[in-house]
Amino acid sequence: VFNTADNTTAAITLAGGATPTTGGLTLDGLFLYVGGSDSKVHKVDLTTNSDTAQIAVTISPDFVVVKAK
């Protein structure tokens, strides 16, 4: 990830060693939802740079969209 506030980068490891295929950022910039090679959507908390949830889906998530409320 790239932090625009201080121009730094950080690596985020997905649970289970999955590799990212796609992603979508929430409008508030707090969470990133990433499609993984493990057929799960990973919820990444950008305040801690950690993969906090893995959501199993029945398809390979090659396109993730975050819809505003």
N, C-alpha and C. Protein backbone atom coordinates (compact mmCIF):
# COMPACT_ATOMS: atom_id res chain seq x y z
N VAL A 1 0.84 -1.18 0.00
CA VAL A 1 0.00 0.00 0.00
C VAL A 1 0.88 1.24 0.00
N PHE A 2 0.33 2.34 -0.47
CA PHE A 2 1.03 3.61 -0.46
C PHE A 2 0.26 4.60 0.40
N ASN A 3 0.93 5.18 1.37
CA ASN A 3 0.33 6.16 2.26
C ASN A 3 0.61 7.55 1.70
N THR A 4 -0.43 8.23 1.25
CA THR A 4 -0.25 9.55 0.64
C THR A 4 0.06 10.63 1.67
N ALA A 5 -0.27 10.39 2.94
CA ALA A 5 -0.01 11.38 3.98
C ALA A 5 1.48 11.57 4.23
N ASP A 6 2.24 10.46 4.22
CA ASP A 6 3.67 10.57 4.51
C ASP A 6 4.56 9.96 3.42
N ASN A 7 3.94 9.64 2.27
CA ASN A 7 4.68 9.11 1.11
C ASN A 7 5.51 7.86 1.43
N THR A 8 4.91 6.94 2.20
CA THR A 8 5.59 5.69 2.52
C THR A 8 4.82 4.52 1.93
N THR A 9 5.52 3.40 1.80
CA THR A 9 4.88 2.18 1.33
C THR A 9 4.98 1.11 2.41
N ALA A 10 4.09 0.13 2.33
CA ALA A 10 4.11 -0.99 3.26
C ALA A 10 3.57 -2.22 2.54
N ALA A 11 4.10 -3.37 2.89
CA ALA A 11 3.61 -4.63 2.34
C ALA A 11 2.59 -5.22 3.30
N ILE A 12 1.53 -5.78 2.74
CA ILE A 12 0.51 -6.44 3.54
C ILE A 12 0.42 -7.89 3.07
N THR A 13 0.61 -8.81 3.99
CA THR A 13 0.54 -10.23 3.67
C THR A 13 -0.89 -10.72 3.85
N LEU A 14 -1.42 -11.39 2.84
CA LEU A 14 -2.75 -11.95 2.94
C LEU A 14 -2.69 -13.28 3.68
N ALA A 15 -3.73 -13.57 4.44
CA ALA A 15 -3.81 -14.82 5.20
C ALA A 15 -3.70 -16.02 4.27
N GLY A 16 -3.07 -17.07 4.76
CA GLY A 16 -2.96 -18.30 3.99
C GLY A 16 -2.00 -18.23 2.82
N GLY A 17 -1.23 -17.14 2.72
CA GLY A 17 -0.28 -17.00 1.62
C GLY A 17 -0.92 -16.70 0.28
N ALA A 18 -2.17 -16.24 0.29
CA ALA A 18 -2.86 -15.91 -0.96
C ALA A 18 -2.19 -14.74 -1.64
N THR A 19 -2.29 -14.71 -2.96
CA THR A 19 -1.80 -13.56 -3.72
C THR A 19 -3.01 -12.76 -4.20
N PRO A 20 -2.88 -11.44 -4.25
CA PRO A 20 -4.02 -10.60 -4.65
C PRO A 20 -4.29 -10.70 -6.15
N THR A 21 -5.58 -10.66 -6.49
CA THR A 21 -5.98 -10.67 -7.90
C THR A 21 -6.67 -9.36 -8.29
N THR A 22 -7.29 -8.70 -7.33
CA THR A 22 -8.02 -7.46 -7.57
C THR A 22 -8.32 -6.82 -6.23
N GLY A 23 -8.82 -5.61 -6.23
CA GLY A 23 -9.15 -4.97 -4.96
C GLY A 23 -10.05 -3.78 -5.11
N GLY A 24 -10.66 -3.41 -4.00
CA GLY A 24 -11.52 -2.24 -3.95
C GLY A 24 -11.39 -1.58 -2.59
N LEU A 25 -11.27 -0.26 -2.58
CA LEU A 25 -11.06 0.52 -1.37
C LEU A 25 -12.37 1.17 -0.94
N THR A 26 -12.63 1.17 0.38
CA THR A 26 -13.82 1.87 0.86
C THR A 26 -13.61 3.38 0.74
N LEU A 27 -14.71 4.12 0.64
CA LEU A 27 -14.61 5.56 0.43
C LEU A 27 -13.89 6.29 1.56
N ASP A 28 -14.00 5.77 2.78
CA ASP A 28 -13.32 6.42 3.91
C ASP A 28 -11.84 6.05 3.99
N GLY A 29 -11.40 5.13 3.15
CA GLY A 29 -10.00 4.75 3.11
C GLY A 29 -9.54 3.87 4.25
N LEU A 30 -10.49 3.30 5.01
CA LEU A 30 -10.12 2.48 6.16
C LEU A 30 -9.93 1.01 5.82
N PHE A 31 -10.62 0.53 4.80
CA PHE A 31 -10.56 -0.89 4.47
C PHE A 31 -10.32 -1.11 2.99
N LEU A 32 -9.61 -2.17 2.70
CA LEU A 32 -9.36 -2.60 1.33
C LEU A 32 -9.86 -4.03 1.23
N TYR A 33 -10.72 -4.29 0.27
CA TYR A 33 -11.20 -5.65 0.02
C TYR A 33 -10.44 -6.19 -1.18
N VAL A 34 -9.78 -7.33 -0.99
CA VAL A 34 -8.88 -7.87 -2.00
C VAL A 34 -9.33 -9.27 -2.39
N GLY A 35 -9.51 -9.50 -3.69
CA GLY A 35 -9.76 -10.85 -4.19
C GLY A 35 -8.44 -11.61 -4.12
N GLY A 36 -8.50 -12.84 -3.63
CA GLY A 36 -7.29 -13.62 -3.48
C GLY A 36 -7.25 -14.86 -4.35
N SER A 37 -6.05 -15.37 -4.54
CA SER A 37 -5.87 -16.59 -5.33
C SER A 37 -6.46 -17.81 -4.65
N ASP A 38 -6.87 -17.67 -3.39
CA ASP A 38 -7.45 -18.76 -2.62
C ASP A 38 -8.98 -18.80 -2.71
N SER A 39 -9.56 -18.06 -3.66
CA SER A 39 -11.01 -17.96 -3.85
C SER A 39 -11.71 -17.37 -2.63
N LYS A 40 -11.04 -16.43 -1.97
CA LYS A 40 -11.63 -15.70 -0.86
C LYS A 40 -11.45 -14.21 -1.10
N VAL A 41 -12.33 -13.42 -0.50
CA VAL A 41 -12.17 -11.97 -0.50
C VAL A 41 -11.61 -11.61 0.88
N HIS A 42 -10.49 -10.92 0.89
CA HIS A 42 -9.80 -10.59 2.13
C HIS A 42 -10.11 -9.14 2.50
N LYS A 43 -10.52 -8.94 3.77
CA LYS A 43 -10.78 -7.60 4.28
C LYS A 43 -9.51 -7.12 4.98
N VAL A 44 -8.89 -6.09 4.43
CA VAL A 44 -7.64 -5.57 4.97
C VAL A 44 -7.94 -4.27 5.70
N ASP A 45 -7.58 -4.23 6.98
CA ASP A 45 -7.72 -3.03 7.80
C ASP A 45 -6.49 -2.16 7.56
N LEU A 46 -6.69 -0.99 6.97
CA LEU A 46 -5.56 -0.14 6.61
C LEU A 46 -5.02 0.68 7.77
N THR A 47 -5.68 0.65 8.93
CA THR A 47 -5.11 1.31 10.11
C THR A 47 -4.05 0.42 10.75
N THR A 48 -4.17 -0.89 10.55
CA THR A 48 -3.19 -1.83 11.12
C THR A 48 -2.42 -2.59 10.04
N ASN A 49 -2.80 -2.38 8.77
CA ASN A 49 -2.20 -3.10 7.64
C ASN A 49 -2.24 -4.61 7.84
N SER A 50 -3.41 -5.10 8.26
CA SER A 50 -3.54 -6.54 8.48
C SER A 50 -4.80 -7.08 7.83
N ASP A 51 -4.72 -8.34 7.43
CA ASP A 51 -5.83 -9.07 6.82
C ASP A 51 -6.71 -9.57 7.96
N THR A 52 -7.84 -8.87 8.20
CA THR A 52 -8.65 -9.15 9.39
C THR A 52 -9.78 -10.13 9.15
N ALA A 53 -10.14 -10.39 7.91
CA ALA A 53 -11.22 -11.34 7.62
C ALA A 53 -11.04 -11.94 6.25
N GLN A 54 -11.43 -13.19 6.12
CA GLN A 54 -11.38 -13.88 4.84
C GLN A 54 -12.78 -14.40 4.55
N ILE A 55 -13.35 -13.94 3.47
CA ILE A 55 -14.73 -14.25 3.12
C ILE A 55 -14.73 -15.24 1.97
N ALA A 56 -15.23 -16.45 2.24
CA ALA A 56 -15.27 -17.49 1.21
C ALA A 56 -16.35 -17.17 0.19
N VAL A 57 -16.01 -17.30 -1.07
CA VAL A 57 -16.97 -17.12 -2.15
C VAL A 57 -16.92 -18.35 -3.05
N THR A 58 -17.95 -18.54 -3.83
CA THR A 58 -18.03 -19.76 -4.66
C THR A 58 -17.40 -19.59 -6.03
N ILE A 59 -16.85 -18.41 -6.29
CA ILE A 59 -16.19 -18.15 -7.57
C ILE A 59 -14.79 -17.60 -7.31
N SER A 60 -13.97 -17.53 -8.32
CA SER A 60 -12.66 -16.90 -8.19
C SER A 60 -12.86 -15.39 -8.26
N PRO A 61 -12.55 -14.65 -7.18
CA PRO A 61 -12.82 -13.20 -7.16
C PRO A 61 -11.83 -12.43 -8.02
N ASP A 62 -12.17 -12.25 -9.29
CA ASP A 62 -11.26 -11.53 -10.18
C ASP A 62 -11.70 -10.08 -10.40
N PHE A 63 -12.77 -9.67 -9.71
CA PHE A 63 -13.26 -8.29 -9.81
C PHE A 63 -13.98 -7.96 -8.53
N VAL A 64 -13.45 -7.04 -7.72
CA VAL A 64 -14.06 -6.65 -6.46
C VAL A 64 -14.48 -5.19 -6.54
N VAL A 65 -15.73 -4.93 -6.14
CA VAL A 65 -16.26 -3.57 -6.12
C VAL A 65 -16.79 -3.28 -4.73
N VAL A 66 -16.52 -2.10 -4.20
CA VAL A 66 -17.04 -1.68 -2.91
C VAL A 66 -18.14 -0.66 -3.16
N LYS A 67 -19.36 -0.98 -2.74
CA LYS A 67 -20.50 -0.09 -2.95
C LYS A 67 -20.70 0.82 -1.75
N ALA A 68 -20.85 2.11 -1.99
CA ALA A 68 -21.11 3.07 -0.92
C ALA A 68 -22.50 2.85 -0.36
N LYS A 69 -22.67 3.12 0.93
CA LYS A 69 -23.99 2.99 1.56
C LYS A 69 -24.89 4.11 1.13
